[in-house]
Amino acid sequence: MSWWKTPKRSKFGKWLDSKGVTQIDFADKSNVSRRTVWKLYNEKDYIPSSSTLKKVMKTIRTIDKSKKTDDFFDI
């Protein structure tokens, strides 16, 4: 099977897919660059800076208030 048919996602990427939110929409809502959102979405070991993490988690909590940083990142 080809790599594009079985994409690997981070916990954040899988969650975003399950909510039906696109990377572009999330980037626009969170005021985080599309490239950074792409890294969050695809790279399992990527750890964002504290300011980026704050923006990301603020936006995540507008979708699901119960989510915590540990649900997405191994910090």
N, C-alpha and C. Protein backbone atom coordinates (compact mmCIF):
# COMPACT_ATOMS: atom_id res chain seq x y z
N MET A 1 0.84 -1.18 0.00
CA MET A 1 0.00 0.00 0.00
C MET A 1 0.89 1.24 0.00
N SER A 2 0.49 2.26 -0.71
CA SER A 2 1.27 3.48 -0.83
C SER A 2 1.22 4.31 0.44
N TRP A 3 2.26 5.10 0.66
CA TRP A 3 2.36 5.89 1.90
C TRP A 3 1.23 6.90 2.02
N TRP A 4 0.72 7.45 0.92
CA TRP A 4 -0.33 8.46 1.02
C TRP A 4 -1.69 7.85 1.33
N LYS A 5 -1.81 6.54 1.21
CA LYS A 5 -3.07 5.88 1.53
C LYS A 5 -3.14 5.47 2.99
N THR A 6 -2.01 5.43 3.67
CA THR A 6 -1.97 5.09 5.10
C THR A 6 -1.14 6.13 5.83
N PRO A 7 -1.64 7.36 5.89
CA PRO A 7 -0.85 8.40 6.52
C PRO A 7 -0.67 8.17 8.02
N LYS A 8 0.49 8.53 8.51
CA LYS A 8 0.74 8.47 9.95
C LYS A 8 0.44 9.83 10.53
N ARG A 9 -0.20 9.84 11.65
CA ARG A 9 -0.59 11.09 12.29
C ARG A 9 -0.13 11.08 13.74
N SER A 10 0.08 12.27 14.24
CA SER A 10 0.35 12.42 15.67
C SER A 10 -0.98 12.30 16.41
N LYS A 11 -0.94 12.30 17.72
CA LYS A 11 -2.18 12.29 18.51
C LYS A 11 -3.03 13.51 18.15
N PHE A 12 -2.37 14.64 17.99
CA PHE A 12 -3.06 15.87 17.61
C PHE A 12 -3.71 15.72 16.23
N GLY A 13 -2.98 15.14 15.28
CA GLY A 13 -3.50 14.95 13.93
C GLY A 13 -4.71 14.03 13.90
N LYS A 14 -4.64 12.94 14.65
CA LYS A 14 -5.77 12.01 14.72
C LYS A 14 -6.99 12.69 15.34
N TRP A 15 -6.75 13.49 16.39
CA TRP A 15 -7.85 14.19 17.03
C TRP A 15 -8.47 15.21 16.08
N LEU A 16 -7.64 15.97 15.37
CA LEU A 16 -8.12 16.96 14.42
C LEU A 16 -8.96 16.29 13.33
N ASP A 17 -8.48 15.16 12.82
CA ASP A 17 -9.25 14.40 11.83
C ASP A 17 -10.61 13.97 12.39
N SER A 18 -10.61 13.49 13.63
CA SER A 18 -11.87 13.01 14.22
C SER A 18 -12.89 14.12 14.42
N LYS A 19 -12.41 15.33 14.57
CA LYS A 19 -13.30 16.49 14.75
C LYS A 19 -13.69 17.14 13.43
N GLY A 20 -13.06 16.71 12.33
CA GLY A 20 -13.38 17.26 11.02
C GLY A 20 -12.85 18.67 10.81
N VAL A 21 -11.79 19.01 11.52
CA VAL A 21 -11.17 20.33 11.40
C VAL A 21 -9.95 20.21 10.50
N THR A 22 -9.84 21.10 9.52
CA THR A 22 -8.68 21.06 8.63
C THR A 22 -7.50 21.77 9.28
N GLN A 23 -6.32 21.45 8.80
CA GLN A 23 -5.12 22.12 9.29
C GLN A 23 -5.19 23.62 9.04
N ILE A 24 -5.70 24.01 7.88
CA ILE A 24 -5.79 25.43 7.53
C ILE A 24 -6.74 26.16 8.47
N ASP A 25 -7.90 25.56 8.72
CA ASP A 25 -8.86 26.18 9.64
C ASP A 25 -8.26 26.33 11.04
N PHE A 26 -7.57 25.28 11.49
CA PHE A 26 -6.98 25.33 12.82
C PHE A 26 -5.90 26.41 12.88
N ALA A 27 -5.08 26.49 11.85
CA ALA A 27 -4.02 27.50 11.81
C ALA A 27 -4.61 28.90 11.86
N ASP A 28 -5.68 29.12 11.10
CA ASP A 28 -6.32 30.44 11.09
C ASP A 28 -6.94 30.79 12.45
N LYS A 29 -7.61 29.82 13.07
CA LYS A 29 -8.26 30.06 14.37
C LYS A 29 -7.24 30.28 15.49
N SER A 30 -6.14 29.55 15.43
CA SER A 30 -5.17 29.59 16.54
C SER A 30 -4.10 30.66 16.36
N ASN A 31 -4.04 31.23 15.16
CA ASN A 31 -3.00 32.22 14.86
C ASN A 31 -1.60 31.61 14.96
N VAL A 32 -1.51 30.36 14.52
CA VAL A 32 -0.25 29.62 14.45
C VAL A 32 0.01 29.36 12.96
N SER A 33 1.25 29.41 12.54
CA SER A 33 1.56 29.24 11.12
C SER A 33 1.10 27.86 10.62
N ARG A 34 0.78 27.81 9.34
CA ARG A 34 0.35 26.55 8.74
C ARG A 34 1.46 25.50 8.80
N ARG A 35 2.69 25.94 8.66
CA ARG A 35 3.82 25.01 8.74
C ARG A 35 3.91 24.38 10.13
N THR A 36 3.70 25.17 11.16
CA THR A 36 3.74 24.64 12.53
C THR A 36 2.59 23.67 12.76
N VAL A 37 1.41 24.02 12.27
CA VAL A 37 0.26 23.12 12.42
C VAL A 37 0.53 21.82 11.67
N TRP A 38 1.17 21.90 10.50
CA TRP A 38 1.53 20.70 9.76
C TRP A 38 2.45 19.82 10.60
N LYS A 39 3.44 20.43 11.25
CA LYS A 39 4.35 19.66 12.11
C LYS A 39 3.60 19.02 13.27
N LEU A 40 2.72 19.78 13.90
CA LEU A 40 1.92 19.24 15.00
C LEU A 40 1.07 18.06 14.53
N TYR A 41 0.55 18.16 13.34
CA TYR A 41 -0.35 17.18 12.75
C TYR A 41 0.37 15.89 12.36
N ASN A 42 1.58 16.01 11.85
CA ASN A 42 2.27 14.86 11.27
C ASN A 42 3.43 14.30 12.08
N GLU A 43 4.14 15.13 12.83
CA GLU A 43 5.35 14.68 13.51
C GLU A 43 5.04 14.31 14.96
N LYS A 44 5.10 13.03 15.24
CA LYS A 44 4.73 12.52 16.57
C LYS A 44 5.61 13.06 17.69
N ASP A 45 6.88 13.36 17.39
CA ASP A 45 7.81 13.78 18.43
C ASP A 45 7.98 15.30 18.50
N TYR A 46 7.25 16.05 17.71
CA TYR A 46 7.40 17.51 17.69
C TYR A 46 6.82 18.11 18.97
N ILE A 47 7.61 18.95 19.61
CA ILE A 47 7.17 19.67 20.81
C ILE A 47 7.20 21.16 20.49
N PRO A 48 6.05 21.83 20.51
CA PRO A 48 6.02 23.26 20.18
C PRO A 48 6.59 24.11 21.30
N SER A 49 6.93 25.34 20.95
CA SER A 49 7.40 26.29 21.98
C SER A 49 6.24 26.57 22.94
N SER A 50 6.57 27.16 24.07
CA SER A 50 5.53 27.40 25.07
C SER A 50 4.47 28.38 24.57
N SER A 51 4.87 29.40 23.81
CA SER A 51 3.87 30.36 23.30
C SER A 51 2.96 29.70 22.25
N THR A 52 3.53 28.85 21.41
CA THR A 52 2.73 28.13 20.42
C THR A 52 1.81 27.14 21.13
N LEU A 53 2.32 26.44 22.11
CA LEU A 53 1.53 25.48 22.86
C LEU A 53 0.33 26.16 23.51
N LYS A 54 0.54 27.34 24.05
CA LYS A 54 -0.54 28.08 24.69
C LYS A 54 -1.64 28.41 23.68
N LYS A 55 -1.27 28.86 22.48
CA LYS A 55 -2.24 29.19 21.43
C LYS A 55 -2.99 27.94 20.97
N VAL A 56 -2.24 26.87 20.79
CA VAL A 56 -2.84 25.61 20.32
C VAL A 56 -3.84 25.09 21.34
N MET A 57 -3.45 25.04 22.59
CA MET A 57 -4.35 24.50 23.62
C MET A 57 -5.56 25.40 23.83
N LYS A 58 -5.41 26.69 23.70
CA LYS A 58 -6.55 27.60 23.81
C LYS A 58 -7.57 27.30 22.72
N THR A 59 -7.08 27.05 21.51
CA THR A 59 -7.96 26.73 20.38
C THR A 59 -8.58 25.36 20.54
N ILE A 60 -7.79 24.39 20.98
CA ILE A 60 -8.32 23.04 21.22
C ILE A 60 -9.47 23.09 22.22
N ARG A 61 -9.32 23.87 23.25
CA ARG A 61 -10.34 23.93 24.30
C ARG A 61 -11.61 24.65 23.84
N THR A 62 -11.56 25.38 22.74
CA THR A 62 -12.81 25.93 22.19
C THR A 62 -13.63 24.82 21.53
N ILE A 63 -12.96 23.72 21.17
CA ILE A 63 -13.63 22.57 20.55
C ILE A 63 -14.00 21.54 21.61
N ASP A 64 -13.09 21.28 22.54
CA ASP A 64 -13.31 20.29 23.60
C ASP A 64 -12.65 20.77 24.88
N LYS A 65 -13.44 21.25 25.80
CA LYS A 65 -12.93 21.85 27.05
C LYS A 65 -12.18 20.86 27.94
N SER A 66 -12.40 19.57 27.75
CA SER A 66 -11.79 18.59 28.64
C SER A 66 -10.36 18.20 28.24
N LYS A 67 -9.90 18.63 27.09
CA LYS A 67 -8.58 18.23 26.61
C LYS A 67 -7.46 18.93 27.39
N LYS A 68 -6.38 18.15 27.61
CA LYS A 68 -5.21 18.65 28.32
C LYS A 68 -3.99 18.49 27.43
N THR A 69 -2.94 19.19 27.77
CA THR A 69 -1.70 19.13 27.01
C THR A 69 -1.20 17.69 26.88
N ASP A 70 -1.30 16.93 27.94
CA ASP A 70 -0.81 15.54 27.95
C ASP A 70 -1.57 14.64 26.97
N ASP A 71 -2.77 15.05 26.56
CA ASP A 71 -3.53 14.27 25.60
C ASP A 71 -2.87 14.28 24.22
N PHE A 72 -2.02 15.27 23.96
CA PHE A 72 -1.43 15.44 22.64
C PHE A 72 0.10 15.39 22.63
N PHE A 73 0.71 15.87 23.69
CA PHE A 73 2.16 16.03 23.69
C PHE A 73 2.80 15.35 24.90
N ASP A 74 3.96 14.74 24.68
CA ASP A 74 4.70 14.09 25.76
C ASP A 74 5.72 15.09 26.30
N ILE A 75 5.23 15.93 27.17
CA ILE A 75 6.10 16.98 27.74
C ILE A 75 6.46 16.62 29.16
